[in-house]
Amino acid sequence: MSLFWSNVKKILPYKNLEVKDLAFRAGVPYSTIINGMNKDSMPHADIGLKISKILNMSLESLLGEEAVRVETGDMNQTELEKHEIAMYQKNKLIIDALEEIPTTVRDCVQDLVLKTRDSYML
């Protein structure tokens, strides 16, 4: 896998994103990202730039031209894991409910939540 896509895959969990979320937020077709990852091809410059902005990383770091550092604030790995567990426990009821509904409905709900969140972040 190219260094770009390898770095993207490493960063997604720290940003609490899945590939589908990344594609949606970057305004890039999901298939474009998946095909790039699977075919080990470099993205077009505009797509790479959109992805870097969503991940809040420099394009140079994703390309491997500088060290990739994932910002986790002041948390070390143990604190980060505890934070993620607390987040899961806080949202367990919602997560369990989403797991029980059909995938197509779950995807619509996820898109709705992400669009709502994005509208508040503007």
PDB file of N, CA and C in Angstrom:
ATOM      1  N   MET A   1       0.848  -1.172   0.000  1.00  0.00           N
ATOM      2  CA  MET A   1       0.000   0.000   0.000  1.00  0.00           C
ATOM      3  C   MET A   1       0.896   1.238   0.000  1.00  0.00           C
ATOM      4  N   SER A   2       0.488   2.248  -0.760  1.00  0.00           N
ATOM      5  CA  SER A   2       1.284   3.470  -0.815  1.00  0.00           C
ATOM      6  C   SER A   2       1.352   4.094   0.572  1.00  0.00           C
ATOM      7  N   LEU A   3       2.386   4.846   0.801  1.00  0.00           N
ATOM      8  CA  LEU A   3       2.568   5.486   2.093  1.00  0.00           C
ATOM      9  C   LEU A   3       1.396   6.416   2.410  1.00  0.00           C
ATOM     10  N   PHE A   4       0.864   7.086   1.385  1.00  0.00           N
ATOM     11  CA  PHE A   4      -0.283   7.981   1.589  1.00  0.00           C
ATOM     12  C   PHE A   4      -1.444   7.216   2.215  1.00  0.00           C
ATOM     13  N   TRP A   5      -1.878   6.126   1.552  1.00  0.00           N
ATOM     14  CA  TRP A   5      -3.040   5.388   2.054  1.00  0.00           C
ATOM     15  C   TRP A   5      -2.738   4.676   3.359  1.00  0.00           C
ATOM     16  N   SER A   6      -1.507   4.221   3.526  1.00  0.00           N
ATOM     17  CA  SER A   6      -1.117   3.587   4.778  1.00  0.00           C
ATOM     18  C   SER A   6      -1.236   4.579   5.932  1.00  0.00           C
ATOM     19  N   ASN A   7      -0.768   5.805   5.711  1.00  0.00           N
ATOM     20  CA  ASN A   7      -0.883   6.845   6.739  1.00  0.00           C
ATOM     21  C   ASN A   7      -2.336   7.208   7.008  1.00  0.00           C
ATOM     22  N   VAL A   8      -3.135   7.289   5.958  1.00  0.00           N
ATOM     23  CA  VAL A   8      -4.566   7.596   6.138  1.00  0.00           C
ATOM     24  C   VAL A   8      -5.212   6.521   7.009  1.00  0.00           C
ATOM     25  N   LYS A   9      -4.933   5.256   6.713  1.00  0.00           N
ATOM     26  CA  LYS A   9      -5.527   4.163   7.492  1.00  0.00           C
ATOM     27  C   LYS A   9      -5.106   4.210   8.953  1.00  0.00           C
ATOM     28  N   LYS A  10      -3.856   4.604   9.209  1.00  0.00           N
ATOM     29  CA  LYS A  10      -3.373   4.689  10.590  1.00  0.00           C
ATOM     30  C   LYS A  10      -4.060   5.814  11.350  1.00  0.00           C
ATOM     31  N   ILE A  11      -4.372   6.889  10.675  1.00  0.00           N
ATOM     32  CA  ILE A  11      -4.903   8.081  11.321  1.00  0.00           C
ATOM     33  C   ILE A  11      -6.410   7.995  11.558  1.00  0.00           C
ATOM     34  N   LEU A  12      -7.138   7.307  10.693  1.00  0.00           N
ATOM     35  CA  LEU A  12      -8.600   7.262  10.799  1.00  0.00           C
ATOM     36  C   LEU A  12      -9.107   6.888  12.194  1.00  0.00           C
ATOM     37  N   PRO A  13      -8.584   5.843  12.842  1.00  0.00           N
ATOM     38  CA  PRO A  13      -9.105   5.511  14.174  1.00  0.00           C
ATOM     39  C   PRO A  13      -8.889   6.621  15.202  1.00  0.00           C
ATOM     40  N   TYR A  14      -7.766   7.326  15.106  1.00  0.00           N
ATOM     41  CA  TYR A  14      -7.489   8.407  16.052  1.00  0.00           C
ATOM     42  C   TYR A  14      -8.416   9.594  15.845  1.00  0.00           C
ATOM     43  N   LYS A  15      -8.908   9.725  14.626  1.00  0.00           N
ATOM     44  CA  LYS A  15      -9.831  10.812  14.327  1.00  0.00           C
ATOM     45  C   LYS A  15     -11.278  10.357  14.470  1.00  0.00           C
ATOM     46  N   ASN A  16     -11.445   9.108  14.908  1.00  0.00           N
ATOM     47  CA  ASN A  16     -12.779   8.534  15.096  1.00  0.00           C
ATOM     48  C   ASN A  16     -13.562   8.510  13.789  1.00  0.00           C
ATOM     49  N   LEU A  17     -12.892   8.177  12.709  1.00  0.00           N
ATOM     50  CA  LEU A  17     -13.518   8.152  11.386  1.00  0.00           C
ATOM     51  C   LEU A  17     -13.360   6.791  10.745  1.00  0.00           C
ATOM     52  N   GLU A  18     -14.304   6.462   9.900  1.00  0.00           N
ATOM     53  CA  GLU A  18     -14.194   5.304   9.030  1.00  0.00           C
ATOM     54  C   GLU A  18     -14.022   5.842   7.616  1.00  0.00           C
ATOM     55  N   VAL A  19     -13.681   4.968   6.693  1.00  0.00           N
ATOM     56  CA  VAL A  19     -13.454   5.395   5.316  1.00  0.00           C
ATOM     57  C   VAL A  19     -14.701   6.086   4.762  1.00  0.00           C
ATOM     58  N   LYS A  20     -15.867   5.563   5.073  1.00  0.00           N
ATOM     59  CA  LYS A  20     -17.115   6.149   4.585  1.00  0.00           C
ATOM     60  C   LYS A  20     -17.289   7.580   5.096  1.00  0.00           C
ATOM     61  N   ASP A  21     -16.945   7.803   6.380  1.00  0.00           N
ATOM     62  CA  ASP A  21     -17.028   9.148   6.954  1.00  0.00           C
ATOM     63  C   ASP A  21     -16.070  10.098   6.238  1.00  0.00           C
ATOM     64  N   LEU A  22     -14.858   9.614   6.016  1.00  0.00           N
ATOM     65  CA  LEU A  22     -13.848  10.418   5.336  1.00  0.00           C
ATOM     66  C   LEU A  22     -14.328  10.823   3.951  1.00  0.00           C
ATOM     67  N   ALA A  23     -14.864   9.868   3.211  1.00  0.00           N
ATOM     68  CA  ALA A  23     -15.352  10.155   1.858  1.00  0.00           C
ATOM     69  C   ALA A  23     -16.469  11.188   1.895  1.00  0.00           C
ATOM     70  N   PHE A  24     -17.405  11.007   2.797  1.00  0.00           N
ATOM     71  CA  PHE A  24     -18.532  11.933   2.902  1.00  0.00           C
ATOM     72  C   PHE A  24     -18.059  13.344   3.236  1.00  0.00           C
ATOM     73  N   ARG A  25     -17.235  13.459   4.251  1.00  0.00           N
ATOM     74  CA  ARG A  25     -16.781  14.782   4.692  1.00  0.00           C
ATOM     75  C   ARG A  25     -15.883  15.459   3.663  1.00  0.00           C
ATOM     76  N   ALA A  26     -15.129  14.666   2.896  1.00  0.00           N
ATOM     77  CA  ALA A  26     -14.250  15.241   1.871  1.00  0.00           C
ATOM     78  C   ALA A  26     -15.003  15.521   0.574  1.00  0.00           C
ATOM     79  N   GLY A  27     -16.232  15.007   0.469  1.00  0.00           N
ATOM     80  CA  GLY A  27     -16.994  15.199  -0.761  1.00  0.00           C
ATOM     81  C   GLY A  27     -16.435  14.390  -1.916  1.00  0.00           C
ATOM     82  N   VAL A  28     -15.889  13.227  -1.575  1.00  0.00           N
ATOM     83  CA  VAL A  28     -15.266  12.344  -2.557  1.00  0.00           C
ATOM     84  C   VAL A  28     -16.045  11.029  -2.553  1.00  0.00           C
ATOM     85  N   PRO A  29     -16.314  10.448  -3.717  1.00  0.00           N
ATOM     86  CA  PRO A  29     -17.018   9.171  -3.716  1.00  0.00           C
ATOM     87  C   PRO A  29     -16.262   8.110  -2.896  1.00  0.00           C
ATOM     88  N   TYR A  30     -17.011   7.360  -2.128  1.00  0.00           N
ATOM     89  CA  TYR A  30     -16.446   6.272  -1.319  1.00  0.00           C
ATOM     90  C   TYR A  30     -15.623   5.338  -2.199  1.00  0.00           C
ATOM     91  N   SER A  31     -16.152   5.039  -3.384  1.00  0.00           N
ATOM     92  CA  SER A  31     -15.461   4.116  -4.287  1.00  0.00           C
ATOM     93  C   SER A  31     -14.092   4.651  -4.716  1.00  0.00           C
ATOM     94  N   THR A  32     -13.957   5.959  -4.831  1.00  0.00           N
ATOM     95  CA  THR A  32     -12.676   6.553  -5.209  1.00  0.00           C
ATOM     96  C   THR A  32     -11.620   6.258  -4.156  1.00  0.00           C
ATOM     97  N   ILE A  33     -12.003   6.407  -2.898  1.00  0.00           N
ATOM     98  CA  ILE A  33     -11.052   6.152  -1.815  1.00  0.00           C
ATOM     99  C   ILE A  33     -10.733   4.664  -1.702  1.00  0.00           C
ATOM    100  N   ILE A  34     -11.761   3.834  -1.726  1.00  0.00           N
ATOM    101  CA  ILE A  34     -11.544   2.387  -1.618  1.00  0.00           C
ATOM    102  C   ILE A  34     -10.706   1.882  -2.787  1.00  0.00           C
ATOM    103  N   ASN A  35     -11.025   2.338  -3.998  1.00  0.00           N
ATOM    104  CA  ASN A  35     -10.242   1.913  -5.163  1.00  0.00           C
ATOM    105  C   ASN A  35      -8.795   2.373  -5.048  1.00  0.00           C
ATOM    106  N   GLY A  36      -8.582   3.584  -4.566  1.00  0.00           N
ATOM    107  CA  GLY A  36      -7.217   4.068  -4.373  1.00  0.00           C
ATOM    108  C   GLY A  36      -6.458   3.200  -3.394  1.00  0.00           C
ATOM    109  N   MET A  37      -7.118   2.835  -2.312  1.00  0.00           N
ATOM    110  CA  MET A  37      -6.479   1.979  -1.304  1.00  0.00           C
ATOM    111  C   MET A  37      -6.196   0.588  -1.864  1.00  0.00           C
ATOM    112  N   ASN A  38      -7.200   0.018  -2.533  1.00  0.00           N
ATOM    113  CA  ASN A  38      -7.046  -1.338  -3.058  1.00  0.00           C
ATOM    114  C   ASN A  38      -6.056  -1.434  -4.209  1.00  0.00           C
ATOM    115  N   LYS A  39      -6.028  -0.418  -5.063  1.00  0.00           N
ATOM    116  CA  LYS A  39      -5.125  -0.432  -6.222  1.00  0.00           C
ATOM    117  C   LYS A  39      -3.766   0.164  -5.903  1.00  0.00           C
ATOM    118  N   ASP A  40      -3.621   0.660  -4.680  1.00  0.00           N
ATOM    119  CA  ASP A  40      -2.359   1.242  -4.241  1.00  0.00           C
ATOM    120  C   ASP A  40      -1.922   2.377  -5.150  1.00  0.00           C
ATOM    121  N   SER A  41      -2.895   3.225  -5.494  1.00  0.00           N
ATOM    122  CA  SER A  41      -2.592   4.344  -6.382  1.00  0.00           C
ATOM    123  C   SER A  41      -2.685   5.660  -5.632  1.00  0.00           C
ATOM    124  N   MET A  42      -1.866   6.584  -6.035  1.00  0.00           N
ATOM    125  CA  MET A  42      -1.882   7.906  -5.416  1.00  0.00           C
ATOM    126  C   MET A  42      -3.149   8.641  -5.851  1.00  0.00           C
ATOM    127  N   PRO A  43      -3.765   9.374  -4.936  1.00  0.00           N
ATOM    128  CA  PRO A  43      -4.947  10.145  -5.313  1.00  0.00           C
ATOM    129  C   PRO A  43      -4.538  11.373  -6.122  1.00  0.00           C
ATOM    130  N   HIS A  44      -5.489  11.925  -6.854  1.00  0.00           N
ATOM    131  CA  HIS A  44      -5.245  13.193  -7.523  1.00  0.00           C
ATOM    132  C   HIS A  44      -4.940  14.228  -6.441  1.00  0.00           C
ATOM    133  N   ALA A  45      -4.221  15.265  -6.805  1.00  0.00           N
ATOM    134  CA  ALA A  45      -3.796  16.279  -5.838  1.00  0.00           C
ATOM    135  C   ALA A  45      -4.979  16.890  -5.094  1.00  0.00           C
ATOM    136  N   ASP A  46      -6.075  17.182  -5.807  1.00  0.00           N
ATOM    137  CA  ASP A  46      -7.220  17.813  -5.149  1.00  0.00           C
ATOM    138  C   ASP A  46      -7.853  16.884  -4.113  1.00  0.00           C
ATOM    139  N   ILE A  47      -7.887  15.604  -4.404  1.00  0.00           N
ATOM    140  CA  ILE A  47      -8.462  14.638  -3.469  1.00  0.00           C
ATOM    141  C   ILE A  47      -7.539  14.468  -2.262  1.00  0.00           C
ATOM    142  N   GLY A  48      -6.243  14.370  -2.519  1.00  0.00           N
ATOM    143  CA  GLY A  48      -5.283  14.260  -1.424  1.00  0.00           C
ATOM    144  C   GLY A  48      -5.359  15.454  -0.492  1.00  0.00           C
ATOM    145  N   LEU A  49      -5.521  16.638  -1.070  1.00  0.00           N
ATOM    146  CA  LEU A  49      -5.619  17.859  -0.270  1.00  0.00           C
ATOM    147  C   LEU A  49      -6.900  17.869   0.571  1.00  0.00           C
ATOM    148  N   LYS A  50      -8.019  17.442  -0.026  1.00  0.00           N
ATOM    149  CA  LYS A  50      -9.281  17.377   0.719  1.00  0.00           C
ATOM    150  C   LYS A  50      -9.153  16.410   1.901  1.00  0.00           C
ATOM    151  N   ILE A  51      -8.543  15.260   1.636  1.00  0.00           N
ATOM    152  CA  ILE A  51      -8.371  14.249   2.691  1.00  0.00           C
ATOM    153  C   ILE A  51      -7.479  14.800   3.798  1.00  0.00           C
ATOM    154  N   SER A  52      -6.402  15.466   3.421  1.00  0.00           N
ATOM    155  CA  SER A  52      -5.491  16.002   4.439  1.00  0.00           C
ATOM    156  C   SER A  52      -6.201  17.043   5.307  1.00  0.00           C
ATOM    157  N   LYS A  53      -7.064  17.839   4.709  1.00  0.00           N
ATOM    158  CA  LYS A  53      -7.787  18.855   5.483  1.00  0.00           C
ATOM    159  C   LYS A  53      -8.771  18.210   6.456  1.00  0.00           C
ATOM    160  N   ILE A  54      -9.474  17.186   6.006  1.00  0.00           N
ATOM    161  CA  ILE A  54     -10.422  16.491   6.885  1.00  0.00           C
ATOM    162  C   ILE A  54      -9.681  15.852   8.047  1.00  0.00           C
ATOM    163  N   LEU A  55      -8.515  15.280   7.785  1.00  0.00           N
ATOM    164  CA  LEU A  55      -7.738  14.623   8.838  1.00  0.00           C
ATOM    165  C   LEU A  55      -6.915  15.604   9.660  1.00  0.00           C
ATOM    166  N   ASN A  56      -6.938  16.877   9.257  1.00  0.00           N
ATOM    167  CA  ASN A  56      -6.168  17.911   9.939  1.00  0.00           C
ATOM    168  C   ASN A  56      -4.681  17.548   9.985  1.00  0.00           C
ATOM    169  N   MET A  57      -4.201  17.075   8.844  1.00  0.00           N
ATOM    170  CA  MET A  57      -2.799  16.675   8.688  1.00  0.00           C
ATOM    171  C   MET A  57      -2.252  17.397   7.465  1.00  0.00           C
ATOM    172  N   SER A  58      -0.961  17.622   7.444  1.00  0.00           N
ATOM    173  CA  SER A  58      -0.384  18.220   6.243  1.00  0.00           C
ATOM    174  C   SER A  58      -0.331  17.163   5.151  1.00  0.00           C
ATOM    175  N   LEU A  59      -0.456  17.604   3.920  1.00  0.00           N
ATOM    176  CA  LEU A  59      -0.358  16.683   2.791  1.00  0.00           C
ATOM    177  C   LEU A  59       1.024  16.044   2.772  1.00  0.00           C
ATOM    178  N   GLU A  60       2.027  16.814   3.144  1.00  0.00           N
ATOM    179  CA  GLU A  60       3.398  16.297   3.166  1.00  0.00           C
ATOM    180  C   GLU A  60       3.542  15.118   4.127  1.00  0.00           C
ATOM    181  N   SER A  61       2.888  15.218   5.291  1.00  0.00           N
ATOM    182  CA  SER A  61       2.995  14.113   6.249  1.00  0.00           C
ATOM    183  C   SER A  61       2.282  12.868   5.738  1.00  0.00           C
ATOM    184  N   LEU A  62       1.144  13.041   5.070  1.00  0.00           N
ATOM    185  CA  LEU A  62       0.436  11.884   4.515  1.00  0.00           C
ATOM    186  C   LEU A  62       1.232  11.235   3.390  1.00  0.00           C
ATOM    187  N   LEU A  63       1.991  12.047   2.666  1.00  0.00           N
ATOM    188  CA  LEU A  63       2.818  11.517   1.579  1.00  0.00           C
ATOM    189  C   LEU A  63       4.119  10.911   2.089  1.00  0.00           C
ATOM    190  N   GLY A  64       4.405  11.109   3.377  1.00  0.00           N
ATOM    191  CA  GLY A  64       5.609  10.532   3.960  1.00  0.00           C
ATOM    192  C   GLY A  64       6.814  11.439   3.883  1.00  0.00           C
ATOM    193  N   GLU A  65       6.592  12.695   3.528  1.00  0.00           N
ATOM    194  CA  GLU A  65       7.709  13.623   3.421  1.00  0.00           C
ATOM    195  C   GLU A  65       8.094  14.225   4.762  1.00  0.00           C
ATOM    196  N   GLU A  66       7.257  14.068   5.753  1.00  0.00           N
ATOM    197  CA  GLU A  66       7.589  14.478   7.114  1.00  0.00           C
ATOM    198  C   GLU A  66       6.941  13.468   8.044  1.00  0.00           C
ATOM    199  N   ALA A  67       7.398  13.408   9.249  1.00  0.00           N
ATOM    200  CA  ALA A  67       6.899  12.418  10.200  1.00  0.00           C
ATOM    201  C   ALA A  67       5.413  12.642  10.476  1.00  0.00           C
ATOM    202  N   VAL A  68       4.676  11.551  10.537  1.00  0.00           N
ATOM    203  CA  VAL A  68       3.249  11.619  10.843  1.00  0.00           C
ATOM    204  C   VAL A  68       3.086  11.626  12.350  1.00  0.00           C
ATOM    205  N   ARG A  69       2.445  12.673  12.854  1.00  0.00           N
ATOM    206  CA  ARG A  69       2.151  12.798  14.265  1.00  0.00           C
ATOM    207  C   ARG A  69       0.660  12.961  14.416  1.00  0.00           C
ATOM    208  N   VAL A  70       0.060  12.104  15.173  1.00  0.00           N
ATOM    209  CA  VAL A  70      -1.373  12.219  15.424  1.00  0.00           C
ATOM    210  C   VAL A  70      -1.549  12.989  16.718  1.00  0.00           C
ATOM    211  N   GLU A  71      -2.271  14.095  16.623  1.00  0.00           N
ATOM    212  CA  GLU A  71      -2.494  14.937  17.793  1.00  0.00           C
ATOM    213  C   GLU A  71      -3.578  14.313  18.665  1.00  0.00           C
ATOM    214  N   THR A  72      -3.230  14.027  19.890  1.00  0.00           N
ATOM    215  CA  THR A  72      -4.203  13.496  20.845  1.00  0.00           C
ATOM    216  C   THR A  72      -4.296  14.415  22.054  1.00  0.00           C
ATOM    217  N   GLY A  73      -3.905  15.657  21.852  1.00  0.00           N
ATOM    218  CA  GLY A  73      -3.930  16.598  22.969  1.00  0.00           C
ATOM    219  C   GLY A  73      -2.865  16.219  23.977  1.00  0.00           C
ATOM    220  N   ASP A  74      -3.219  16.296  25.238  1.00  0.00           N
ATOM    221  CA  ASP A  74      -2.267  15.982  26.299  1.00  0.00           C
ATOM    222  C   ASP A  74      -2.405  14.544  26.782  1.00  0.00           C
ATOM    223  N   MET A  75      -3.158  13.721  26.068  1.00  0.00           N
ATOM    224  CA  MET A  75      -3.413  12.357  26.516  1.00  0.00           C
ATOM    225  C   MET A  75      -2.321  11.408  26.046  1.00  0.00           C
ATOM    226  N   ASN A  76      -1.877  10.525  26.946  1.00  0.00           N
ATOM    227  CA  ASN A  76      -1.003   9.443  26.515  1.00  0.00           C
ATOM    228  C   ASN A  76      -1.891   8.287  26.061  1.00  0.00           C
ATOM    229  N   GLN A  77      -1.297   7.188  25.613  1.00  0.00           N
ATOM    230  CA  GLN A  77      -2.079   6.078  25.054  1.00  0.00           C
ATOM    231  C   GLN A  77      -3.076   5.515  26.059  1.00  0.00           C
ATOM    232  N   THR A  78      -2.669   5.353  27.318  1.00  0.00           N
ATOM    233  CA  THR A  78      -3.566   4.800  28.337  1.00  0.00           C
ATOM    234  C   THR A  78      -4.752   5.729  28.577  1.00  0.00           C
ATOM    235  N   GLU A  79      -4.486   7.024  28.671  1.00  0.00           N
ATOM    236  CA  GLU A  79      -5.564   7.989  28.874  1.00  0.00           C
ATOM    237  C   GLU A  79      -6.502   8.014  27.677  1.00  0.00           C
ATOM    238  N   LEU A  80      -5.924   7.901  26.477  1.00  0.00           N
ATOM    239  CA  LEU A  80      -6.729   7.889  25.263  1.00  0.00           C
ATOM    240  C   LEU A  80      -7.642   6.669  25.238  1.00  0.00           C
ATOM    241  N   GLU A  81      -7.103   5.504  25.604  1.00  0.00           N
ATOM    242  CA  GLU A  81      -7.921   4.296  25.649  1.00  0.00           C
ATOM    243  C   GLU A  81      -9.042   4.418  26.672  1.00  0.00           C
ATOM    244  N   LYS A  82      -8.741   4.993  27.837  1.00  0.00           N
ATOM    245  CA  LYS A  82      -9.774   5.193  28.856  1.00  0.00           C
ATOM    246  C   LYS A  82     -10.851   6.139  28.349  1.00  0.00           C
ATOM    247  N   HIS A  83     -10.426   7.191  27.647  1.00  0.00           N
ATOM    248  CA  HIS A  83     -11.380   8.151  27.075  1.00  0.00           C
ATOM    249  C   HIS A  83     -12.283   7.460  26.056  1.00  0.00           C
ATOM    250  N   GLU A  84     -11.698   6.626  25.197  1.00  0.00           N
ATOM    251  CA  GLU A  84     -12.495   5.928  24.186  1.00  0.00           C
ATOM    252  C   GLU A  84     -13.482   4.966  24.834  1.00  0.00           C
ATOM    253  N   ILE A  85     -13.074   4.286  25.894  1.00  0.00           N
ATOM    254  CA  ILE A  85     -13.977   3.377  26.614  1.00  0.00           C
ATOM    255  C   ILE A  85     -15.119   4.168  27.240  1.00  0.00           C
ATOM    256  N   ALA A  86     -14.795   5.304  27.835  1.00  0.00           N
ATOM    257  CA  ALA A  86     -15.835   6.149  28.441  1.00  0.00           C
ATOM    258  C   ALA A  86     -16.816   6.640  27.380  1.00  0.00           C
ATOM    259  N   MET A  87     -16.301   7.020  26.216  1.00  0.00           N
ATOM    260  CA  MET A  87     -17.168   7.468  25.120  1.00  0.00           C
ATOM    261  C   MET A  87     -18.090   6.334  24.683  1.00  0.00           C
ATOM    262  N   TYR A  88     -17.554   5.120  24.577  1.00  0.00           N
ATOM    263  CA  TYR A  88     -18.373   3.975  24.189  1.00  0.00           C
ATOM    264  C   TYR A  88     -19.463   3.732  25.230  1.00  0.00           C
ATOM    265  N   GLN A  89     -19.085   3.735  26.502  1.00  0.00           N
ATOM    266  CA  GLN A  89     -20.062   3.482  27.561  1.00  0.00           C
ATOM    267  C   GLN A  89     -21.150   4.554  27.567  1.00  0.00           C
ATOM    268  N   LYS A  90     -20.763   5.787  27.331  1.00  0.00           N
ATOM    269  CA  LYS A  90     -21.719   6.894  27.303  1.00  0.00           C
ATOM    270  C   LYS A  90     -22.729   6.723  26.167  1.00  0.00           C
ATOM    271  N   ASN A  91     -22.284   6.184  25.045  1.00  0.00           N
ATOM    272  CA  ASN A  91     -23.135   6.067  23.861  1.00  0.00           C
ATOM    273  C   ASN A  91     -23.569   4.630  23.569  1.00  0.00           C
ATOM    274  N   LYS A  92     -23.388   3.737  24.533  1.00  0.00           N
ATOM    275  CA  LYS A  92     -23.693   2.312  24.329  1.00  0.00           C
ATOM    276  C   LYS A  92     -25.142   2.076  23.910  1.00  0.00           C
ATOM    277  N   LEU A  93     -26.084   2.756  24.521  1.00  0.00           N
ATOM    278  CA  LEU A  93     -27.491   2.578  24.194  1.00  0.00           C
ATOM    279  C   LEU A  93     -27.741   2.881  22.711  1.00  0.00           C
ATOM    280  N   ILE A  94     -27.177   3.970  22.238  1.00  0.00           N
ATOM    281  CA  ILE A  94     -27.348   4.358  20.829  1.00  0.00           C
ATOM    282  C   ILE A  94     -26.643   3.361  19.909  1.00  0.00           C
ATOM    283  N   ILE A  95     -25.430   2.975  20.271  1.00  0.00           N
ATOM    284  CA  ILE A  95     -24.669   2.031  19.455  1.00  0.00           C
ATOM    285  C   ILE A  95     -25.421   0.709  19.341  1.00  0.00           C
ATOM    286  N   ASP A  96     -25.913   0.204  20.460  1.00  0.00           N
ATOM    287  CA  ASP A  96     -26.663  -1.060  20.444  1.00  0.00           C
ATOM    288  C   ASP A  96     -27.919  -0.951  19.584  1.00  0.00           C
ATOM    289  N   ALA A  97     -28.623   0.172  19.690  1.00  0.00           N
ATOM    290  CA  ALA A  97     -29.838   0.361  18.889  1.00  0.00           C
ATOM    291  C   ALA A  97     -29.495   0.403  17.398  1.00  0.00           C
ATOM    292  N   LEU A  98     -28.421   1.081  17.059  1.00  0.00           N
ATOM    293  CA  LEU A  98     -28.013   1.151  15.647  1.00  0.00           C
ATOM    294  C   LEU A  98     -27.635  -0.222  15.100  1.00  0.00           C
ATOM    295  N   GLU A  99     -27.013  -1.033  15.928  1.00  0.00           N
ATOM    296  CA  GLU A  99     -26.607  -2.368  15.491  1.00  0.00           C
ATOM    297  C   GLU A  99     -27.814  -3.259  15.182  1.00  0.00           C
ATOM    298  N   GLU A 100     -28.957  -2.935  15.760  1.00  0.00           N
ATOM    299  CA  GLU A 100     -30.152  -3.762  15.584  1.00  0.00           C
ATOM    300  C   GLU A 100     -30.960  -3.411  14.333  1.00  0.00           C
ATOM    301  N   ILE A 101     -30.710  -2.266  13.727  1.00  0.00           N
ATOM    302  CA  ILE A 101     -31.499  -1.877  12.555  1.00  0.00           C
ATOM    303  C   ILE A 101     -30.754  -2.251  11.277  1.00  0.00           C
ATOM    304  N   PRO A 102     -31.498  -2.385  10.165  1.00  0.00           N
ATOM    305  CA  PRO A 102     -30.864  -2.774   8.901  1.00  0.00           C
ATOM    306  C   PRO A 102     -29.768  -1.778   8.485  1.00  0.00           C
ATOM    307  N   THR A 103     -28.772  -2.285   7.800  1.00  0.00           N
ATOM    308  CA  THR A 103     -27.620  -1.486   7.392  1.00  0.00           C
ATOM    309  C   THR A 103     -28.018  -0.257   6.603  1.00  0.00           C
ATOM    310  N   THR A 104     -28.981  -0.378   5.703  1.00  0.00           N
ATOM    311  CA  THR A 104     -29.366   0.777   4.887  1.00  0.00           C
ATOM    312  C   THR A 104     -29.948   1.891   5.748  1.00  0.00           C
ATOM    313  N   VAL A 105     -30.737   1.524   6.743  1.00  0.00           N
ATOM    314  CA  VAL A 105     -31.310   2.524   7.646  1.00  0.00           C
ATOM    315  C   VAL A 105     -30.202   3.102   8.521  1.00  0.00           C
ATOM    316  N   ARG A 106     -29.317   2.246   9.009  1.00  0.00           N
ATOM    317  CA  ARG A 106     -28.207   2.687   9.854  1.00  0.00           C
ATOM    318  C   ARG A 106     -27.331   3.685   9.093  1.00  0.00           C
ATOM    319  N   ASP A 107     -27.076   3.419   7.816  1.00  0.00           N
ATOM    320  CA  ASP A 107     -26.272   4.334   7.001  1.00  0.00           C
ATOM    321  C   ASP A 107     -26.950   5.692   6.862  1.00  0.00           C
ATOM    322  N   CYS A 108     -28.273   5.689   6.704  1.00  0.00           N
ATOM    323  CA  CYS A 108     -29.017   6.954   6.608  1.00  0.00           C
ATOM    324  C   CYS A 108     -28.942   7.730   7.915  1.00  0.00           C
ATOM    325  N   VAL A 109     -29.082   7.029   9.032  1.00  0.00           N
ATOM    326  CA  VAL A 109     -29.002   7.681  10.338  1.00  0.00           C
ATOM    327  C   VAL A 109     -27.597   8.247  10.542  1.00  0.00           C
ATOM    328  N   GLN A 110     -26.595   7.483  10.174  1.00  0.00           N
ATOM    329  CA  GLN A 110     -25.212   7.943  10.307  1.00  0.00           C
ATOM    330  C   GLN A 110     -24.980   9.200   9.468  1.00  0.00           C
ATOM    331  N   ASP A 111     -25.453   9.190   8.237  1.00  0.00           N
ATOM    332  CA  ASP A 111     -25.307  10.366   7.371  1.00  0.00           C
ATOM    333  C   ASP A 111     -26.011  11.578   7.969  1.00  0.00           C
ATOM    334  N   LEU A 112     -27.198  11.358   8.522  1.00  0.00           N
ATOM    335  CA  LEU A 112     -27.945  12.444   9.146  1.00  0.00           C
ATOM    336  C   LEU A 112     -27.167  13.036  10.324  1.00  0.00           C
ATOM    337  N   VAL A 113     -26.620  12.166  11.163  1.00  0.00           N
ATOM    338  CA  VAL A 113     -25.852  12.633  12.327  1.00  0.00           C
ATOM    339  C   VAL A 113     -24.618  13.398  11.870  1.00  0.00           C
ATOM    340  N   LEU A 114     -23.905  12.874  10.881  1.00  0.00           N
ATOM    341  CA  LEU A 114     -22.693  13.553  10.400  1.00  0.00           C
ATOM    342  C   LEU A 114     -23.012  14.899   9.759  1.00  0.00           C
ATOM    343  N   LYS A 115     -24.096  14.953   8.999  1.00  0.00           N
ATOM    344  CA  LYS A 115     -24.484  16.231   8.378  1.00  0.00           C
ATOM    345  C   LYS A 115     -24.885  17.243   9.459  1.00  0.00           C
ATOM    346  N   THR A 116     -25.593  16.777  10.473  1.00  0.00           N
ATOM    347  CA  THR A 116     -25.992  17.660  11.556  1.00  0.00           C
ATOM    348  C   THR A 116     -24.767  18.180  12.295  1.00  0.00           C
ATOM    349  N   ARG A 117     -23.841  17.275  12.603  1.00  0.00           N
ATOM    350  CA  ARG A 117     -22.609  17.693  13.265  1.00  0.00           C
ATOM    351  C   ARG A 117     -21.836  18.698  12.419  1.00  0.00           C
ATOM    352  N   ASP A 118     -21.709  18.425  11.151  1.00  0.00           N
ATOM    353  CA  ASP A 118     -20.965  19.326  10.256  1.00  0.00           C
ATOM    354  C   ASP A 118     -21.606  20.692  10.151  1.00  0.00           C
ATOM    355  N   SER A 119     -22.939  20.738  10.206  1.00  0.00           N
ATOM    356  CA  SER A 119     -23.614  22.040  10.118  1.00  0.00           C
ATOM    357  C   SER A 119     -23.353  22.871  11.374  1.00  0.00           C
ATOM    358  N   TYR A 120     -23.129  22.225  12.512  1.00  0.00           N
ATOM    359  CA  TYR A 120     -22.820  22.956  13.743  1.00  0.00           C
ATOM    360  C   TYR A 120     -21.362  23.359  13.807  1.00  0.00           C
ATOM    361  N   MET A 121     -20.505  22.706  13.024  1.00  0.00           N
ATOM    362  CA  MET A 121     -19.077  23.000  13.058  1.00  0.00           C
ATOM    363  C   MET A 121     -18.704  24.132  12.119  1.00  0.00           C
ATOM    364  N   LEU A 122     -19.665  24.597  11.316  1.00  0.00           N
ATOM    365  CA  LEU A 122     -19.358  25.674  10.359  1.00  0.00           C
ATOM    366  C   LEU A 122     -19.187  26.975  11.028  1.00  0.00           C
TER     367      LEU A 122
END
